């Protein structure tokens, strides 16, 4: 079997540690000749996948859908994390500030994360519009484009959203559910200072994406190698914990429809 080239975006120094671990597992226990190529942006990674310079890309939901659109739906979904299922965007505001429902956001200043973040910018605008609140007409968006190219992976723009909400420079802000739960667990924001005004329907996040002409056997063997990792195995657990999951799962494509619609509306696709 020829060497399998896997792409990942280095949005944080820990990515190197994560992929050293995954590479070691694939080459050792899984007996899969794999090598890892790190990129500094998802745009560069998607371009490399489409050009056949890598075989598989560890993509955000946006990068996955961009790969599909640019390849005429020929790129292949391979696997995802259990924690990529059922994300939501939460609109948060200061507790006691009078914002208690979706309609209370009308006429307000709403902080959004980086423009290429599905959970902190693209989907918030989409779901608000679906509910009758259109940007520029029914609310003012205050955008924090602090990690463009990383699709919101760093969480930096969500930190900016949080700060804006806490200091009162905006009325509310949009953050992903993992970021919100992290606040609660880590005590980053003062306890009781924030309330959830409204949350969106659920959607899915990352996806391992194969190039259009990747041999089916390679995709299957890679997926099976991932599925064989066990949280109960002390050799596997540190890698899984760093990557934020307990189990790799097969693709569940129904959770990407809302982002696909949002990307069409916001003209974020390059068509094949």
C-alpha atoms as a PDB file:
ATOM      1  CA  UNK A   1       0.000   0.000   0.000  1.00  0.00           C
ATOM      2  CA  UNK A   2       1.384   3.404  -0.988  1.00  0.00           C
ATOM      3  CA  UNK A   3       2.025   5.979   1.685  1.00  0.00           C
ATOM      4  CA  UNK A   4      -1.085   7.817   2.853  1.00  0.00           C
ATOM      5  CA  UNK A   5      -0.647  11.588   3.176  1.00  0.00           C
ATOM      6  CA  UNK A   6      -2.909  13.174   5.793  1.00  0.00           C
ATOM      7  CA  UNK A   7      -3.365  16.924   6.130  1.00  0.00           C
ATOM      8  CA  UNK A   8      -4.150  18.842   9.312  1.00  0.00           C
ATOM      9  CA  UNK A   9      -4.177  22.540  10.200  1.00  0.00           C
ATOM     10  CA  UNK A  10      -1.766  23.681  12.906  1.00  0.00           C
ATOM     11  CA  UNK A  11      -4.138  26.054  14.683  1.00  0.00           C
ATOM     12  CA  UNK A  12      -2.386  25.475  18.036  1.00  0.00           C
ATOM     13  CA  UNK A  13       0.989  24.038  19.161  1.00  0.00           C
ATOM     14  CA  UNK A  14      -0.824  21.011  20.586  1.00  0.00           C
ATOM     15  CA  UNK A  15      -1.686  19.933  17.018  1.00  0.00           C
ATOM     16  CA  UNK A  16       1.914  18.771  16.576  1.00  0.00           C
ATOM     17  CA  UNK A  17       1.655  16.581  19.688  1.00  0.00           C
ATOM     18  CA  UNK A  18      -1.735  15.209  18.598  1.00  0.00           C
ATOM     19  CA  UNK A  19      -0.530  14.230  15.159  1.00  0.00           C
ATOM     20  CA  UNK A  20       2.727  12.790  16.384  1.00  0.00           C
ATOM     21  CA  UNK A  21       0.545  10.488  18.476  1.00  0.00           C
ATOM     22  CA  UNK A  22      -1.874   9.607  15.671  1.00  0.00           C
ATOM     23  CA  UNK A  23       0.987   9.077  13.212  1.00  0.00           C
ATOM     24  CA  UNK A  24       2.765   6.798  15.674  1.00  0.00           C
ATOM     25  CA  UNK A  25      -0.418   4.773  16.186  1.00  0.00           C
ATOM     26  CA  UNK A  26      -1.136   4.478  12.450  1.00  0.00           C
ATOM     27  CA  UNK A  27       2.415   3.476  11.529  1.00  0.00           C
ATOM     28  CA  UNK A  28       2.867   1.171  14.511  1.00  0.00           C
ATOM     29  CA  UNK A  29      -0.219  -0.586  15.797  1.00  0.00           C
ATOM     30  CA  UNK A  30      -2.399  -0.061  12.711  1.00  0.00           C
ATOM     31  CA  UNK A  31       0.422  -0.967  10.272  1.00  0.00           C
ATOM     32  CA  UNK A  32      -0.593   1.872   7.977  1.00  0.00           C
ATOM     33  CA  UNK A  33       2.148   3.757   6.124  1.00  0.00           C
ATOM     34  CA  UNK A  34       0.960   7.279   6.929  1.00  0.00           C
ATOM     35  CA  UNK A  35       2.622  10.669   6.921  1.00  0.00           C
ATOM     36  CA  UNK A  36       1.236  13.990   8.156  1.00  0.00           C
ATOM     37  CA  UNK A  37       1.379  17.345   6.381  1.00  0.00           C
ATOM     38  CA  UNK A  38       0.600  20.440   8.472  1.00  0.00           C
ATOM     39  CA  UNK A  39      -0.948  23.589   7.012  1.00  0.00           C
ATOM     40  CA  UNK A  40      -1.417  27.099   8.401  1.00  0.00           C
ATOM     41  CA  UNK A  41      -4.891  27.597   6.947  1.00  0.00           C
ATOM     42  CA  UNK A  42      -7.853  25.508   5.859  1.00  0.00           C
ATOM     43  CA  UNK A  43      -7.857  27.258   2.498  1.00  0.00           C
ATOM     44  CA  UNK A  44      -4.348  25.908   1.797  1.00  0.00           C
ATOM     45  CA  UNK A  45      -5.357  22.450   2.997  1.00  0.00           C
ATOM     46  CA  UNK A  46      -8.497  22.347   0.830  1.00  0.00           C
ATOM     47  CA  UNK A  47      -6.460  23.457  -2.193  1.00  0.00           C
ATOM     48  CA  UNK A  48      -3.905  20.695  -1.525  1.00  0.00           C
ATOM     49  CA  UNK A  49      -6.661  18.077  -1.236  1.00  0.00           C
ATOM     50  CA  UNK A  50      -8.315  19.196  -4.476  1.00  0.00           C
ATOM     51  CA  UNK A  51      -4.935  19.180  -6.246  1.00  0.00           C
ATOM     52  CA  UNK A  52      -4.224  15.632  -5.041  1.00  0.00           C
ATOM     53  CA  UNK A  53      -1.186  16.699  -3.017  1.00  0.00           C
ATOM     54  CA  UNK A  54      -2.640  15.009   0.076  1.00  0.00           C
ATOM     55  CA  UNK A  55      -4.942  12.010   0.301  1.00  0.00           C
ATOM     56  CA  UNK A  56      -7.039  12.896   3.344  1.00  0.00           C
ATOM     57  CA  UNK A  57      -7.699  16.195   5.125  1.00  0.00           C
ATOM     58  CA  UNK A  58      -8.826  16.678   8.711  1.00  0.00           C
ATOM     59  CA  UNK A  59     -11.347  19.383   7.887  1.00  0.00           C
ATOM     60  CA  UNK A  60     -13.702  21.675   9.729  1.00  0.00           C
ATOM     61  CA  UNK A  61     -17.332  21.485   8.663  1.00  0.00           C
ATOM     62  CA  UNK A  62     -16.781  24.503   6.407  1.00  0.00           C
ATOM     63  CA  UNK A  63     -13.639  23.039   4.805  1.00  0.00           C
ATOM     64  CA  UNK A  64     -15.438  19.718   4.303  1.00  0.00           C
ATOM     65  CA  UNK A  65     -18.337  21.400   2.495  1.00  0.00           C
ATOM     66  CA  UNK A  66     -15.969  23.629   0.492  1.00  0.00           C
ATOM     67  CA  UNK A  67     -14.121  20.493  -0.637  1.00  0.00           C
ATOM     68  CA  UNK A  68     -17.379  18.881  -1.710  1.00  0.00           C
ATOM     69  CA  UNK A  69     -18.566  21.966  -3.579  1.00  0.00           C
ATOM     70  CA  UNK A  70     -15.274  22.515  -5.400  1.00  0.00           C
ATOM     71  CA  UNK A  71     -15.015  18.841  -6.399  1.00  0.00           C
ATOM     72  CA  UNK A  72     -18.585  18.442  -7.590  1.00  0.00           C
ATOM     73  CA  UNK A  73     -19.398  16.314  -4.523  1.00  0.00           C
ATOM     74  CA  UNK A  74     -16.644  13.830  -5.414  1.00  0.00           C
ATOM     75  CA  UNK A  75     -14.514  14.308  -2.286  1.00  0.00           C
ATOM     76  CA  UNK A  76     -15.208  11.560   0.217  1.00  0.00           C
ATOM     77  CA  UNK A  77     -16.437  11.812   3.829  1.00  0.00           C
ATOM     78  CA  UNK A  78     -14.508   9.232   5.857  1.00  0.00           C
ATOM     79  CA  UNK A  79     -14.881   9.653   9.634  1.00  0.00           C
ATOM     80  CA  UNK A  80     -15.586  12.132  12.408  1.00  0.00           C
ATOM     81  CA  UNK A  81     -15.406  12.404  16.195  1.00  0.00           C
ATOM     82  CA  UNK A  82     -18.280  11.574  18.504  1.00  0.00           C
ATOM     83  CA  UNK A  83     -17.889  15.151  19.767  1.00  0.00           C
ATOM     84  CA  UNK A  84     -18.461  16.548  16.251  1.00  0.00           C
ATOM     85  CA  UNK A  85     -22.115  15.563  16.541  1.00  0.00           C
ATOM     86  CA  UNK A  86     -24.851  17.954  17.616  1.00  0.00           C
ATOM     87  CA  UNK A  87     -23.054  21.257  18.116  1.00  0.00           C
ATOM     88  CA  UNK A  88     -25.160  24.353  18.708  1.00  0.00           C
ATOM     89  CA  UNK A  89     -24.553  28.092  18.652  1.00  0.00           C
ATOM     90  CA  UNK A  90     -25.582  29.927  21.801  1.00  0.00           C
ATOM     91  CA  UNK A  91     -26.414  33.614  21.992  1.00  0.00           C
ATOM     92  CA  UNK A  92     -25.226  34.866  25.362  1.00  0.00           C
ATOM     93  CA  UNK A  93     -25.870  38.140  27.198  1.00  0.00           C
ATOM     94  CA  UNK A  94     -25.273  39.610  30.670  1.00  0.00           C
ATOM     95  CA  UNK A  95     -27.579  38.128  33.274  1.00  0.00           C
ATOM     96  CA  UNK A  96     -30.297  40.550  34.308  1.00  0.00           C
ATOM     97  CA  UNK A  97     -29.883  42.700  31.205  1.00  0.00           C
ATOM     98  CA  UNK A  98     -33.400  42.119  29.937  1.00  0.00           C
ATOM     99  CA  UNK A  99     -32.565  39.798  27.040  1.00  0.00           C
ATOM    100  CA  UNK A 100     -34.534  36.586  27.523  1.00  0.00           C
ATOM    101  CA  UNK A 101     -35.675  35.422  24.081  1.00  0.00           C
ATOM    102  CA  UNK A 102     -34.829  35.472  20.398  1.00  0.00           C
ATOM    103  CA  UNK A 103     -37.064  38.454  19.710  1.00  0.00           C
ATOM    104  CA  UNK A 104     -35.197  40.436  22.368  1.00  0.00           C
ATOM    105  CA  UNK A 105     -32.181  40.400  20.028  1.00  0.00           C
ATOM    106  CA  UNK A 106     -34.024  42.599  17.539  1.00  0.00           C
ATOM    107  CA  UNK A 107     -32.323  45.972  17.160  1.00  0.00           C
ATOM    108  CA  UNK A 108     -29.323  44.892  19.240  1.00  0.00           C
ATOM    109  CA  UNK A 109     -25.556  44.769  18.665  1.00  0.00           C
ATOM    110  CA  UNK A 110     -24.494  41.120  18.409  1.00  0.00           C
ATOM    111  CA  UNK A 111     -20.845  40.044  18.534  1.00  0.00           C
ATOM    112  CA  UNK A 112     -19.760  37.354  16.066  1.00  0.00           C
ATOM    113  CA  UNK A 113     -16.503  35.449  15.730  1.00  0.00           C
ATOM    114  CA  UNK A 114     -14.211  35.159  12.724  1.00  0.00           C
ATOM    115  CA  UNK A 115     -16.050  35.344   9.418  1.00  0.00           C
ATOM    116  CA  UNK A 116     -14.958  31.804   8.438  1.00  0.00           C
ATOM    117  CA  UNK A 117     -16.124  30.219  11.700  1.00  0.00           C
ATOM    118  CA  UNK A 118     -19.181  28.076  11.083  1.00  0.00           C
ATOM    119  CA  UNK A 119     -20.272  28.084  14.716  1.00  0.00           C
ATOM    120  CA  UNK A 120     -19.396  31.673  15.666  1.00  0.00           C
ATOM    121  CA  UNK A 121     -20.296  33.616  12.509  1.00  0.00           C
ATOM    122  CA  UNK A 122     -21.729  31.783   9.489  1.00  0.00           C
ATOM    123  CA  UNK A 123     -24.420  29.717  11.207  1.00  0.00           C
ATOM    124  CA  UNK A 124     -25.470  32.416  13.710  1.00  0.00           C
ATOM    125  CA  UNK A 125     -26.307  34.750  10.811  1.00  0.00           C
ATOM    126  CA  UNK A 126     -28.073  31.924   8.972  1.00  0.00           C
ATOM    127  CA  UNK A 127     -30.236  30.806  11.893  1.00  0.00           C
ATOM    128  CA  UNK A 128     -31.104  34.384  12.861  1.00  0.00           C
ATOM    129  CA  UNK A 129     -32.217  35.079   9.284  1.00  0.00           C
ATOM    130  CA  UNK A 130     -34.313  31.904   9.304  1.00  0.00           C
ATOM    131  CA  UNK A 131     -36.032  33.275  12.406  1.00  0.00           C
ATOM    132  CA  UNK A 132     -36.717  36.641  10.793  1.00  0.00           C
ATOM    133  CA  UNK A 133     -33.713  38.625  12.071  1.00  0.00           C
ATOM    134  CA  UNK A 134     -31.620  39.852   9.130  1.00  0.00           C
ATOM    135  CA  UNK A 135     -28.153  41.316   9.600  1.00  0.00           C
ATOM    136  CA  UNK A 136     -28.068  45.046   8.933  1.00  0.00           C
ATOM    137  CA  UNK A 137     -31.843  45.338   9.134  1.00  0.00           C
ATOM    138  CA  UNK A 138     -32.845  43.739  12.407  1.00  0.00           C
ATOM    139  CA  UNK A 139     -29.514  43.649  14.237  1.00  0.00           C
ATOM    140  CA  UNK A 140     -25.993  45.035  13.949  1.00  0.00           C
ATOM    141  CA  UNK A 141     -23.167  42.520  13.726  1.00  0.00           C
ATOM    142  CA  UNK A 142     -19.895  43.339  15.483  1.00  0.00           C
ATOM    143  CA  UNK A 143     -17.307  40.968  14.042  1.00  0.00           C
ATOM    144  CA  UNK A 144     -14.022  39.779  15.547  1.00  0.00           C
ATOM    145  CA  UNK A 145     -11.920  38.376  12.696  1.00  0.00           C
ATOM    146  CA  UNK A 146      -9.045  37.361  14.955  1.00  0.00           C
ATOM    147  CA  UNK A 147      -8.260  33.891  13.583  1.00  0.00           C
ATOM    148  CA  UNK A 148      -9.284  33.936   9.923  1.00  0.00           C
ATOM    149  CA  UNK A 149      -7.984  30.891   8.085  1.00  0.00           C
ATOM    150  CA  UNK A 150      -8.453  28.625  11.095  1.00  0.00           C
ATOM    151  CA  UNK A 151     -12.287  28.457  10.823  1.00  0.00           C
ATOM    152  CA  UNK A 152     -12.732  29.297  14.500  1.00  0.00           C
ATOM    153  CA  UNK A 153     -10.599  26.380  15.733  1.00  0.00           C
ATOM    154  CA  UNK A 154      -8.411  28.521  17.975  1.00  0.00           C
ATOM    155  CA  UNK A 155     -11.375  29.862  19.954  1.00  0.00           C
ATOM    156  CA  UNK A 156      -9.660  33.257  19.906  1.00  0.00           C
ATOM    157  CA  UNK A 157     -12.534  35.077  18.254  1.00  0.00           C
ATOM    158  CA  UNK A 158     -14.993  33.569  20.735  1.00  0.00           C
ATOM    159  CA  UNK A 159     -12.854  34.963  23.558  1.00  0.00           C
ATOM    160  CA  UNK A 160     -13.197  38.379  21.893  1.00  0.00           C
ATOM    161  CA  UNK A 161     -16.957  37.870  21.712  1.00  0.00           C
ATOM    162  CA  UNK A 162     -17.025  36.994  25.401  1.00  0.00           C
ATOM    163  CA  UNK A 163     -15.026  40.090  26.351  1.00  0.00           C
ATOM    164  CA  UNK A 164     -17.317  42.340  24.328  1.00  0.00           C
ATOM    165  CA  UNK A 165     -20.384  40.908  26.032  1.00  0.00           C
ATOM    166  CA  UNK A 166     -18.865  41.248  29.497  1.00  0.00           C
ATOM    167  CA  UNK A 167     -17.624  44.816  28.995  1.00  0.00           C
ATOM    168  CA  UNK A 168     -20.956  45.943  27.567  1.00  0.00           C
ATOM    169  CA  UNK A 169     -19.708  47.042  24.155  1.00  0.00           C
ATOM    170  CA  UNK A 170     -22.300  44.713  22.610  1.00  0.00           C
ATOM    171  CA  UNK A 171     -25.679  43.499  23.801  1.00  0.00           C
ATOM    172  CA  UNK A 172     -25.150  39.805  23.048  1.00  0.00           C
ATOM    173  CA  UNK A 173     -22.712  37.454  21.376  1.00  0.00           C
ATOM    174  CA  UNK A 174     -22.610  34.125  19.541  1.00  0.00           C
ATOM    175  CA  UNK A 175     -20.383  31.243  20.696  1.00  0.00           C
ATOM    176  CA  UNK A 176     -20.249  27.526  20.007  1.00  0.00           C
ATOM    177  CA  UNK A 177     -21.612  25.091  22.565  1.00  0.00           C
ATOM    178  CA  UNK A 178     -18.156  23.542  23.305  1.00  0.00           C
ATOM    179  CA  UNK A 179     -16.779  26.997  24.118  1.00  0.00           C
ATOM    180  CA  UNK A 180     -19.751  27.730  26.365  1.00  0.00           C
ATOM    181  CA  UNK A 181     -19.427  24.450  28.238  1.00  0.00           C
ATOM    182  CA  UNK A 182     -15.717  25.132  28.632  1.00  0.00           C
ATOM    183  CA  UNK A 183     -16.535  28.448  30.291  1.00  0.00           C
ATOM    184  CA  UNK A 184     -18.756  26.716  32.778  1.00  0.00           C
ATOM    185  CA  UNK A 185     -16.210  23.985  33.517  1.00  0.00           C
ATOM    186  CA  UNK A 186     -13.125  26.200  33.673  1.00  0.00           C
ATOM    187  CA  UNK A 187     -14.639  29.237  35.353  1.00  0.00           C
ATOM    188  CA  UNK A 188     -13.333  31.665  32.712  1.00  0.00           C
ATOM    189  CA  UNK A 189     -16.304  34.012  33.152  1.00  0.00           C
ATOM    190  CA  UNK A 190     -17.659  35.118  36.547  1.00  0.00           C
ATOM    191  CA  UNK A 191     -20.220  32.635  37.791  1.00  0.00           C
ATOM    192  CA  UNK A 192     -23.752  33.711  36.983  1.00  0.00           C
ATOM    193  CA  UNK A 193     -22.601  36.707  34.916  1.00  0.00           C
ATOM    194  CA  UNK A 194     -23.960  35.376  31.634  1.00  0.00           C
ATOM    195  CA  UNK A 195     -27.181  33.835  30.451  1.00  0.00           C
ATOM    196  CA  UNK A 196     -28.151  31.985  27.278  1.00  0.00           C
ATOM    197  CA  UNK A 197     -30.726  34.064  25.405  1.00  0.00           C
ATOM    198  CA  UNK A 198     -31.294  31.608  22.566  1.00  0.00           C
ATOM    199  CA  UNK A 199     -29.653  28.582  20.981  1.00  0.00           C
ATOM    200  CA  UNK A 200     -29.758  27.304  17.428  1.00  0.00           C
ATOM    201  CA  UNK A 201     -30.793  23.893  16.139  1.00  0.00           C
ATOM    202  CA  UNK A 202     -27.965  21.350  16.187  1.00  0.00           C
ATOM    203  CA  UNK A 203     -25.380  20.774  13.451  1.00  0.00           C
ATOM    204  CA  UNK A 204     -22.144  18.794  13.006  1.00  0.00           C
ATOM    205  CA  UNK A 205     -18.512  19.887  12.968  1.00  0.00           C
ATOM    206  CA  UNK A 206     -15.269  18.246  11.691  1.00  0.00           C
ATOM    207  CA  UNK A 207     -14.888  15.531   9.045  1.00  0.00           C
ATOM    208  CA  UNK A 208     -11.964  13.526   7.645  1.00  0.00           C
ATOM    209  CA  UNK A 209     -12.276  14.164   3.916  1.00  0.00           C
ATOM    210  CA  UNK A 210     -10.693  12.032   1.178  1.00  0.00           C
ATOM    211  CA  UNK A 211      -9.652  13.386  -2.207  1.00  0.00           C
ATOM    212  CA  UNK A 212     -12.016  12.631  -5.074  1.00  0.00           C
ATOM    213  CA  UNK A 213      -9.926   9.833  -6.570  1.00  0.00           C
ATOM    214  CA  UNK A 214      -8.730   8.238  -3.343  1.00  0.00           C
ATOM    215  CA  UNK A 215      -8.843   4.473  -3.720  1.00  0.00           C
ATOM    216  CA  UNK A 216     -11.779   3.073  -1.699  1.00  0.00           C
ATOM    217  CA  UNK A 217      -9.519   0.531  -0.015  1.00  0.00           C
ATOM    218  CA  UNK A 218      -7.269   3.268   1.378  1.00  0.00           C
ATOM    219  CA  UNK A 219     -10.235   5.203   2.762  1.00  0.00           C
ATOM    220  CA  UNK A 220     -11.718   2.071   4.339  1.00  0.00           C
ATOM    221  CA  UNK A 221      -8.441   0.982   5.914  1.00  0.00           C
ATOM    222  CA  UNK A 222      -7.818   4.460   7.351  1.00  0.00           C
ATOM    223  CA  UNK A 223     -11.349   4.625   8.766  1.00  0.00           C
ATOM    224  CA  UNK A 224     -11.079   1.141  10.263  1.00  0.00           C
ATOM    225  CA  UNK A 225      -7.786   2.121  11.901  1.00  0.00           C
ATOM    226  CA  UNK A 226      -9.499   5.091  13.554  1.00  0.00           C
ATOM    227  CA  UNK A 227     -12.512   3.054  14.647  1.00  0.00           C
ATOM    228  CA  UNK A 228     -10.161   0.539  16.286  1.00  0.00           C
ATOM    229  CA  UNK A 229      -8.883   3.161  18.729  1.00  0.00           C
ATOM    230  CA  UNK A 230     -10.380   2.686  22.192  1.00  0.00           C
ATOM    231  CA  UNK A 231     -10.753   5.174  25.022  1.00  0.00           C
ATOM    232  CA  UNK A 232     -10.287   2.249  27.388  1.00  0.00           C
ATOM    233  CA  UNK A 233      -6.844   1.517  25.933  1.00  0.00           C
ATOM    234  CA  UNK A 234      -4.229   3.444  27.970  1.00  0.00           C
ATOM    235  CA  UNK A 235      -2.056   3.805  24.868  1.00  0.00           C
ATOM    236  CA  UNK A 236      -4.902   5.382  22.872  1.00  0.00           C
ATOM    237  CA  UNK A 237      -6.579   7.525  25.517  1.00  0.00           C
ATOM    238  CA  UNK A 238      -4.044  10.400  25.668  1.00  0.00           C
ATOM    239  CA  UNK A 239      -4.333  10.918  21.905  1.00  0.00           C
ATOM    240  CA  UNK A 240      -8.120  10.814  21.964  1.00  0.00           C
ATOM    241  CA  UNK A 241      -8.305  13.190  24.926  1.00  0.00           C
ATOM    242  CA  UNK A 242      -6.012  15.719  23.236  1.00  0.00           C
ATOM    243  CA  UNK A 243      -8.157  15.595  20.100  1.00  0.00           C
ATOM    244  CA  UNK A 244     -11.307  15.938  22.204  1.00  0.00           C
ATOM    245  CA  UNK A 245     -13.165  12.685  21.650  1.00  0.00           C
ATOM    246  CA  UNK A 246     -13.861   9.254  23.076  1.00  0.00           C
ATOM    247  CA  UNK A 247     -14.683   7.473  19.835  1.00  0.00           C
ATOM    248  CA  UNK A 248     -14.251   7.960  16.080  1.00  0.00           C
ATOM    249  CA  UNK A 249     -17.535   7.405  14.242  1.00  0.00           C
ATOM    250  CA  UNK A 250     -18.676   6.956  10.613  1.00  0.00           C
ATOM    251  CA  UNK A 251     -19.850  10.053   8.706  1.00  0.00           C
ATOM    252  CA  UNK A 252     -23.305  11.363   9.577  1.00  0.00           C
ATOM    253  CA  UNK A 253     -24.059  13.733   6.746  1.00  0.00           C
ATOM    254  CA  UNK A 254     -27.480  14.956   7.824  1.00  0.00           C
ATOM    255  CA  UNK A 255     -25.891  17.411  10.257  1.00  0.00           C
ATOM    256  CA  UNK A 256     -24.282  19.551   7.531  1.00  0.00           C
ATOM    257  CA  UNK A 257     -27.374  20.757   5.681  1.00  0.00           C
ATOM    258  CA  UNK A 258     -27.786  23.998   7.618  1.00  0.00           C
ATOM    259  CA  UNK A 259     -24.170  25.050   7.020  1.00  0.00           C
ATOM    260  CA  UNK A 260     -24.448  24.108   3.363  1.00  0.00           C
ATOM    261  CA  UNK A 261     -27.484  26.375   3.030  1.00  0.00           C
ATOM    262  CA  UNK A 262     -25.688  29.153   4.904  1.00  0.00           C
ATOM    263  CA  UNK A 263     -22.651  28.877   2.612  1.00  0.00           C
ATOM    264  CA  UNK A 264     -24.843  29.153  -0.486  1.00  0.00           C
ATOM    265  CA  UNK A 265     -26.639  32.180   0.968  1.00  0.00           C
ATOM    266  CA  UNK A 266     -23.382  33.848   1.988  1.00  0.00           C
ATOM    267  CA  UNK A 267     -21.539  32.871  -1.218  1.00  0.00           C
ATOM    268  CA  UNK A 268     -18.777  30.961   0.515  1.00  0.00           C
ATOM    269  CA  UNK A 269     -18.385  28.170  -2.052  1.00  0.00           C
ATOM    270  CA  UNK A 270     -16.120  27.885  -5.072  1.00  0.00           C
ATOM    271  CA  UNK A 271     -18.037  25.674  -7.454  1.00  0.00           C
ATOM    272  CA  UNK A 272     -16.459  22.858  -9.476  1.00  0.00           C
END
